[in-house]
Amino acid sequence: MLFKFLFKKKKKKKLQEKSEKKFDMVNWMNLTKEERLQIDFNEKDKIMRKKKALLKSIREEYIKIKKEK
């Protein structure tokens, strides 16, 4: 019974996500080319910062492990 409840909840979330994505696409197409490029640039910048932070933490952990040996 618990599993049924969890699966039903997931289906509702998926439907919401689809409608939100469709709404975002309409808004995206209404933007000018410059606005789209600026938003895209900002998103890429955020993603690169996250990747660099992750790589930095991985390198630090690797150095710690290497020093322990």
PDB file of N, CA and C in Angstrom:
ATOM      1  N   MET A   1       0.821  -1.184   0.000  1.00  0.00           N
ATOM      2  CA  MET A   1       0.000   0.000   0.000  1.00  0.00           C
ATOM      3  C   MET A   1       0.871   1.257   0.000  1.00  0.00           C
ATOM      4  N   LEU A   2       1.946   1.221   0.740  1.00  0.00           N
ATOM      5  CA  LEU A   2       2.869   2.345   0.787  1.00  0.00           C
ATOM      6  C   LEU A   2       3.488   2.580  -0.589  1.00  0.00           C
ATOM      7  N   PHE A   3       3.826   1.498  -1.274  1.00  0.00           N
ATOM      8  CA  PHE A   3       4.419   1.620  -2.597  1.00  0.00           C
ATOM      9  C   PHE A   3       3.456   2.255  -3.595  1.00  0.00           C
ATOM     10  N   LYS A   4       2.198   1.876  -3.502  1.00  0.00           N
ATOM     11  CA  LYS A   4       1.197   2.460  -4.400  1.00  0.00           C
ATOM     12  C   LYS A   4       1.105   3.962  -4.192  1.00  0.00           C
ATOM     13  N   PHE A   5       1.132   4.374  -2.942  1.00  0.00           N
ATOM     14  CA  PHE A   5       1.064   5.802  -2.627  1.00  0.00           C
ATOM     15  C   PHE A   5       2.272   6.540  -3.205  1.00  0.00           C
ATOM     16  N   LEU A   6       3.456   5.957  -3.060  1.00  0.00           N
ATOM     17  CA  LEU A   6       4.668   6.597  -3.573  1.00  0.00           C
ATOM     18  C   LEU A   6       4.649   6.709  -5.094  1.00  0.00           C
ATOM     19  N   PHE A   7       4.206   5.650  -5.761  1.00  0.00           N
ATOM     20  CA  PHE A   7       4.177   5.667  -7.221  1.00  0.00           C
ATOM     21  C   PHE A   7       3.157   6.663  -7.751  1.00  0.00           C
ATOM     22  N   LYS A   8       2.024   6.785  -7.092  1.00  0.00           N
ATOM     23  CA  LYS A   8       1.016   7.753  -7.519  1.00  0.00           C
ATOM     24  C   LYS A   8       1.557   9.169  -7.387  1.00  0.00           C
ATOM     25  N   LYS A   9       2.290   9.409  -6.329  1.00  0.00           N
ATOM     26  CA  LYS A   9       2.853  10.732  -6.083  1.00  0.00           C
ATOM     27  C   LYS A   9       3.866  11.086  -7.179  1.00  0.00           C
ATOM     28  N   LYS A  10       4.666  10.111  -7.586  1.00  0.00           N
ATOM     29  CA  LYS A  10       5.667  10.353  -8.635  1.00  0.00           C
ATOM     30  C   LYS A  10       4.988  10.702  -9.962  1.00  0.00           C
ATOM     31  N   LYS A  11       3.881  10.027 -10.277  1.00  0.00           N
ATOM     32  CA  LYS A  11       3.174  10.300 -11.524  1.00  0.00           C
ATOM     33  C   LYS A  11       2.666  11.732 -11.553  1.00  0.00           C
ATOM     34  N   LYS A  12       2.146  12.200 -10.427  1.00  0.00           N
ATOM     35  CA  LYS A  12       1.638  13.565 -10.358  1.00  0.00           C
ATOM     36  C   LYS A  12       2.764  14.563 -10.568  1.00  0.00           C
ATOM     37  N   LYS A  13       3.936  14.290 -10.005  1.00  0.00           N
ATOM     38  CA  LYS A  13       5.078  15.191 -10.163  1.00  0.00           C
ATOM     39  C   LYS A  13       5.520  15.240 -11.619  1.00  0.00           C
ATOM     40  N   LYS A  14       5.521  14.100 -12.286  1.00  0.00           N
ATOM     41  CA  LYS A  14       5.939  14.059 -13.686  1.00  0.00           C
ATOM     42  C   LYS A  14       5.003  14.893 -14.556  1.00  0.00           C
ATOM     43  N   LEU A  15       3.725  14.809 -14.285  1.00  0.00           N
ATOM     44  CA  LEU A  15       2.758  15.598 -15.050  1.00  0.00           C
ATOM     45  C   LEU A  15       2.978  17.085 -14.821  1.00  0.00           C
ATOM     46  N   GLN A  16       3.264  17.463 -13.596  1.00  0.00           N
ATOM     47  CA  GLN A  16       3.527  18.869 -13.294  1.00  0.00           C
ATOM     48  C   GLN A  16       4.778  19.342 -14.019  1.00  0.00           C
ATOM     49  N   GLU A  17       5.827  18.521 -14.022  1.00  0.00           N
ATOM     50  CA  GLU A  17       7.077  18.887 -14.680  1.00  0.00           C
ATOM     51  C   GLU A  17       6.861  19.108 -16.176  1.00  0.00           C
ATOM     52  N   LYS A  18       6.064  18.252 -16.797  1.00  0.00           N
ATOM     53  CA  LYS A  18       5.808  18.391 -18.226  1.00  0.00           C
ATOM     54  C   LYS A  18       5.110  19.710 -18.532  1.00  0.00           C
ATOM     55  N   SER A  19       4.136  20.056 -17.722  1.00  0.00           N
ATOM     56  CA  SER A  19       3.412  21.301 -17.970  1.00  0.00           C
ATOM     57  C   SER A  19       4.309  22.506 -17.714  1.00  0.00           C
ATOM     58  N   GLU A  20       5.172  22.426 -16.698  1.00  0.00           N
ATOM     59  CA  GLU A  20       6.097  23.522 -16.420  1.00  0.00           C
ATOM     60  C   GLU A  20       7.099  23.683 -17.559  1.00  0.00           C
ATOM     61  N   LYS A  21       7.587  22.571 -18.087  1.00  0.00           N
ATOM     62  CA  LYS A  21       8.542  22.638 -19.194  1.00  0.00           C
ATOM     63  C   LYS A  21       7.896  23.262 -20.422  1.00  0.00           C
ATOM     64  N   LYS A  22       6.658  22.900 -20.687  1.00  0.00           N
ATOM     65  CA  LYS A  22       5.948  23.453 -21.825  1.00  0.00           C
ATOM     66  C   LYS A  22       5.767  24.958 -21.653  1.00  0.00           C
ATOM     67  N   PHE A  23       5.442  25.387 -20.446  1.00  0.00           N
ATOM     68  CA  PHE A  23       5.270  26.806 -20.144  1.00  0.00           C
ATOM     69  C   PHE A  23       6.598  27.548 -20.303  1.00  0.00           C
ATOM     70  N   ASP A  24       7.691  26.943 -19.833  1.00  0.00           N
ATOM     71  CA  ASP A  24       9.008  27.553 -19.970  1.00  0.00           C
ATOM     72  C   ASP A  24       9.398  27.708 -21.434  1.00  0.00           C
ATOM     73  N   MET A  25       9.050  26.734 -22.253  1.00  0.00           N
ATOM     74  CA  MET A  25       9.393  26.791 -23.666  1.00  0.00           C
ATOM     75  C   MET A  25       8.674  27.957 -24.346  1.00  0.00           C
ATOM     76  N   VAL A  26       7.430  28.176 -24.006  1.00  0.00           N
ATOM     77  CA  VAL A  26       6.675  29.285 -24.587  1.00  0.00           C
ATOM     78  C   VAL A  26       7.317  30.609 -24.175  1.00  0.00           C
ATOM     79  N   ASN A  27       7.657  30.728 -22.891  1.00  0.00           N
ATOM     80  CA  ASN A  27       8.312  31.951 -22.421  1.00  0.00           C
ATOM     81  C   ASN A  27       9.656  32.145 -23.102  1.00  0.00           C
ATOM     82  N   TRP A  28      10.389  31.066 -23.275  1.00  0.00           N
ATOM     83  CA  TRP A  28      11.708  31.125 -23.908  1.00  0.00           C
ATOM     84  C   TRP A  28      11.595  31.647 -25.340  1.00  0.00           C
ATOM     85  N   MET A  29      10.610  31.182 -26.051  1.00  0.00           N
ATOM     86  CA  MET A  29      10.443  31.598 -27.441  1.00  0.00           C
ATOM     87  C   MET A  29       9.982  33.058 -27.546  1.00  0.00           C
ATOM     88  N   ASN A  30       9.354  33.587 -26.517  1.00  0.00           N
ATOM     89  CA  ASN A  30       8.920  34.973 -26.537  1.00  0.00           C
ATOM     90  C   ASN A  30      10.048  35.955 -26.243  1.00  0.00           C
ATOM     91  N   LEU A  31      11.177  35.461 -25.751  1.00  0.00           N
ATOM     92  CA  LEU A  31      12.314  36.334 -25.460  1.00  0.00           C
ATOM     93  C   LEU A  31      13.033  36.720 -26.753  1.00  0.00           C
ATOM     94  N   THR A  32      13.750  37.822 -26.688  1.00  0.00           N
ATOM     95  CA  THR A  32      14.549  38.220 -27.853  1.00  0.00           C
ATOM     96  C   THR A  32      15.800  37.356 -27.905  1.00  0.00           C
ATOM     97  N   LYS A  33      16.492  37.400 -29.019  1.00  0.00           N
ATOM     98  CA  LYS A  33      17.700  36.590 -29.186  1.00  0.00           C
ATOM     99  C   LYS A  33      18.757  36.974 -28.155  1.00  0.00           C
ATOM    100  N   GLU A  34      18.911  38.264 -27.902  1.00  0.00           N
ATOM    101  CA  GLU A  34      19.907  38.729 -26.940  1.00  0.00           C
ATOM    102  C   GLU A  34      19.589  38.244 -25.528  1.00  0.00           C
ATOM    103  N   GLU A  35      18.304  38.279 -25.167  1.00  0.00           N
ATOM    104  CA  GLU A  35      17.896  37.811 -23.842  1.00  0.00           C
ATOM    105  C   GLU A  35      18.150  36.314 -23.687  1.00  0.00           C
ATOM    106  N   ARG A  36      17.851  35.561 -24.733  1.00  0.00           N
ATOM    107  CA  ARG A  36      18.098  34.111 -24.683  1.00  0.00           C
ATOM    108  C   ARG A  36      19.584  33.821 -24.546  1.00  0.00           C
ATOM    109  N   LEU A  37      20.410  34.549 -25.304  1.00  0.00           N
ATOM    110  CA  LEU A  37      21.849  34.339 -25.217  1.00  0.00           C
ATOM    111  C   LEU A  37      22.371  34.686 -23.826  1.00  0.00           C
ATOM    112  N   GLN A  38      21.869  35.751 -23.247  1.00  0.00           N
ATOM    113  CA  GLN A  38      22.304  36.159 -21.906  1.00  0.00           C
ATOM    114  C   GLN A  38      21.914  35.116 -20.859  1.00  0.00           C
ATOM    115  N   ILE A  39      20.697  34.628 -20.926  1.00  0.00           N
ATOM    116  CA  ILE A  39      20.237  33.602 -19.979  1.00  0.00           C
ATOM    117  C   ILE A  39      21.064  32.331 -20.146  1.00  0.00           C
ATOM    118  N   ASP A  40      21.301  31.939 -21.382  1.00  0.00           N
ATOM    119  CA  ASP A  40      22.098  30.749 -21.666  1.00  0.00           C
ATOM    120  C   ASP A  40      23.511  30.908 -21.125  1.00  0.00           C
ATOM    121  N   PHE A  41      24.098  32.070 -21.333  1.00  0.00           N
ATOM    122  CA  PHE A  41      25.449  32.332 -20.844  1.00  0.00           C
ATOM    123  C   PHE A  41      25.498  32.236 -19.324  1.00  0.00           C
ATOM    124  N   ASN A  42      24.506  32.808 -18.644  1.00  0.00           N
ATOM    125  CA  ASN A  42      24.461  32.763 -17.177  1.00  0.00           C
ATOM    126  C   ASN A  42      24.328  31.335 -16.663  1.00  0.00           C
ATOM    127  N   GLU A  43      23.499  30.535 -17.326  1.00  0.00           N
ATOM    128  CA  GLU A  43      23.319  29.145 -16.905  1.00  0.00           C
ATOM    129  C   GLU A  43      24.599  28.341 -17.113  1.00  0.00           C
ATOM    130  N   LYS A  44      25.264  28.552 -18.239  1.00  0.00           N
ATOM    131  CA  LYS A  44      26.525  27.853 -18.490  1.00  0.00           C
ATOM    132  C   LYS A  44      27.571  28.246 -17.462  1.00  0.00           C
ATOM    133  N   ASP A  45      27.594  29.517 -17.087  1.00  0.00           N
ATOM    134  CA  ASP A  45      28.548  30.001 -16.096  1.00  0.00           C
ATOM    135  C   ASP A  45      28.301  29.334 -14.744  1.00  0.00           C
ATOM    136  N   LYS A  46      27.047  29.219 -14.341  1.00  0.00           N
ATOM    137  CA  LYS A  46      26.704  28.560 -13.074  1.00  0.00           C
ATOM    138  C   LYS A  46      27.140  27.097 -13.091  1.00  0.00           C
ATOM    139  N   ILE A  47      26.867  26.428 -14.199  1.00  0.00           N
ATOM    140  CA  ILE A  47      27.212  25.011 -14.321  1.00  0.00           C
ATOM    141  C   ILE A  47      28.726  24.825 -14.253  1.00  0.00           C
ATOM    142  N   MET A  48      29.477  25.700 -14.921  1.00  0.00           N
ATOM    143  CA  MET A  48      30.933  25.586 -14.898  1.00  0.00           C
ATOM    144  C   MET A  48      31.479  25.824 -13.495  1.00  0.00           C
ATOM    145  N   ARG A  49      30.912  26.767 -12.763  1.00  0.00           N
ATOM    146  CA  ARG A  49      31.358  27.007 -11.377  1.00  0.00           C
ATOM    147  C   ARG A  49      31.127  25.770 -10.529  1.00  0.00           C
ATOM    148  N   LYS A  50      29.968  25.126 -10.698  1.00  0.00           N
ATOM    149  CA  LYS A  50      29.666  23.918  -9.929  1.00  0.00           C
ATOM    150  C   LYS A  50      30.640  22.798 -10.285  1.00  0.00           C
ATOM    151  N   LYS A  51      30.931  22.649 -11.568  1.00  0.00           N
ATOM    152  CA  LYS A  51      31.859  21.603 -12.007  1.00  0.00           C
ATOM    153  C   LYS A  51      33.254  21.848 -11.458  1.00  0.00           C
ATOM    154  N   LYS A  52      33.700  23.098 -11.493  1.00  0.00           N
ATOM    155  CA  LYS A  52      35.026  23.426 -10.973  1.00  0.00           C
ATOM    156  C   LYS A  52      35.108  23.167  -9.477  1.00  0.00           C
ATOM    157  N   ALA A  53      34.056  23.512  -8.746  1.00  0.00           N
ATOM    158  CA  ALA A  53      34.035  23.257  -7.306  1.00  0.00           C
ATOM    159  C   ALA A  53      34.074  21.758  -7.022  1.00  0.00           C
ATOM    160  N   LEU A  54      33.340  20.994  -7.798  1.00  0.00           N
ATOM    161  CA  LEU A  54      33.333  19.548  -7.624  1.00  0.00           C
ATOM    162  C   LEU A  54      34.711  18.964  -7.906  1.00  0.00           C
ATOM    163  N   LEU A  55      35.339  19.388  -9.006  1.00  0.00           N
ATOM    164  CA  LEU A  55      36.673  18.900  -9.332  1.00  0.00           C
ATOM    165  C   LEU A  55      37.681  19.275  -8.251  1.00  0.00           C
ATOM    166  N   LYS A  56      37.566  20.476  -7.717  1.00  0.00           N
ATOM    167  CA  LYS A  56      38.471  20.913  -6.661  1.00  0.00           C
ATOM    168  C   LYS A  56      38.330  20.029  -5.431  1.00  0.00           C
ATOM    169  N   SER A  57      37.094  19.735  -5.054  1.00  0.00           N
ATOM    170  CA  SER A  57      36.882  18.888  -3.877  1.00  0.00           C
ATOM    171  C   SER A  57      37.383  17.462  -4.127  1.00  0.00           C
ATOM    172  N   ILE A  58      37.209  16.958  -5.331  1.00  0.00           N
ATOM    173  CA  ILE A  58      37.702  15.618  -5.670  1.00  0.00           C
ATOM    174  C   ILE A  58      39.216  15.590  -5.592  1.00  0.00           C
ATOM    175  N   ARG A  59      39.864  16.616  -6.133  1.00  0.00           N
ATOM    176  CA  ARG A  59      41.334  16.683  -6.079  1.00  0.00           C
ATOM    177  C   ARG A  59      41.828  16.736  -4.642  1.00  0.00           C
ATOM    178  N   GLU A  60      41.162  17.531  -3.793  1.00  0.00           N
ATOM    179  CA  GLU A  60      41.563  17.631  -2.390  1.00  0.00           C
ATOM    180  C   GLU A  60      41.421  16.293  -1.681  1.00  0.00           C
ATOM    181  N   GLU A  61      40.331  15.595  -1.931  1.00  0.00           N
ATOM    182  CA  GLU A  61      40.133  14.284  -1.321  1.00  0.00           C
ATOM    183  C   GLU A  61      41.174  13.294  -1.816  1.00  0.00           C
ATOM    184  N   TYR A  62      41.496  13.356  -3.082  1.00  0.00           N
ATOM    185  CA  TYR A  62      42.500  12.448  -3.651  1.00  0.00           C
ATOM    186  C   TYR A  62      43.864  12.708  -3.006  1.00  0.00           C
ATOM    187  N   ILE A  63      44.195  13.979  -2.804  1.00  0.00           N
ATOM    188  CA  ILE A  63      45.475  14.322  -2.165  1.00  0.00           C
ATOM    189  C   ILE A  63      45.497  13.807  -0.725  1.00  0.00           C
ATOM    190  N   LYS A  64      44.399  13.937  -0.003  1.00  0.00           N
ATOM    191  CA  LYS A  64      44.313  13.437   1.363  1.00  0.00           C
ATOM    192  C   LYS A  64      44.528  11.922   1.407  1.00  0.00           C
ATOM    193  N   ILE A  65      43.885  11.220   0.483  1.00  0.00           N
ATOM    194  CA  ILE A  65      44.011   9.755   0.433  1.00  0.00           C
ATOM    195  C   ILE A  65      45.438   9.371   0.086  1.00  0.00           C
ATOM    196  N   LYS A  66      46.020  10.085  -0.838  1.00  0.00           N
ATOM    197  CA  LYS A  66      47.393   9.794  -1.275  1.00  0.00           C
ATOM    198  C   LYS A  66      48.368  10.022  -0.131  1.00  0.00           C
ATOM    199  N   LYS A  67      48.163  11.079   0.668  1.00  0.00           N
ATOM    200  CA  LYS A  67      49.061  11.367   1.802  1.00  0.00           C
ATOM    201  C   LYS A  67      48.928  10.305   2.887  1.00  0.00           C
ATOM    202  N   GLU A  68      47.740   9.754   3.085  1.00  0.00           N
ATOM    203  CA  GLU A  68      47.543   8.738   4.115  1.00  0.00           C
ATOM    204  C   GLU A  68      48.287   7.449   3.800  1.00  0.00           C
ATOM    205  N   LYS A  69      48.457   7.158   2.539  1.00  0.00           N
ATOM    206  CA  LYS A  69      49.169   5.923   2.149  1.00  0.00           C
ATOM    207  C   LYS A  69      50.623   6.154   2.351  1.00  0.00           C
TER     208      LYS A  69
END
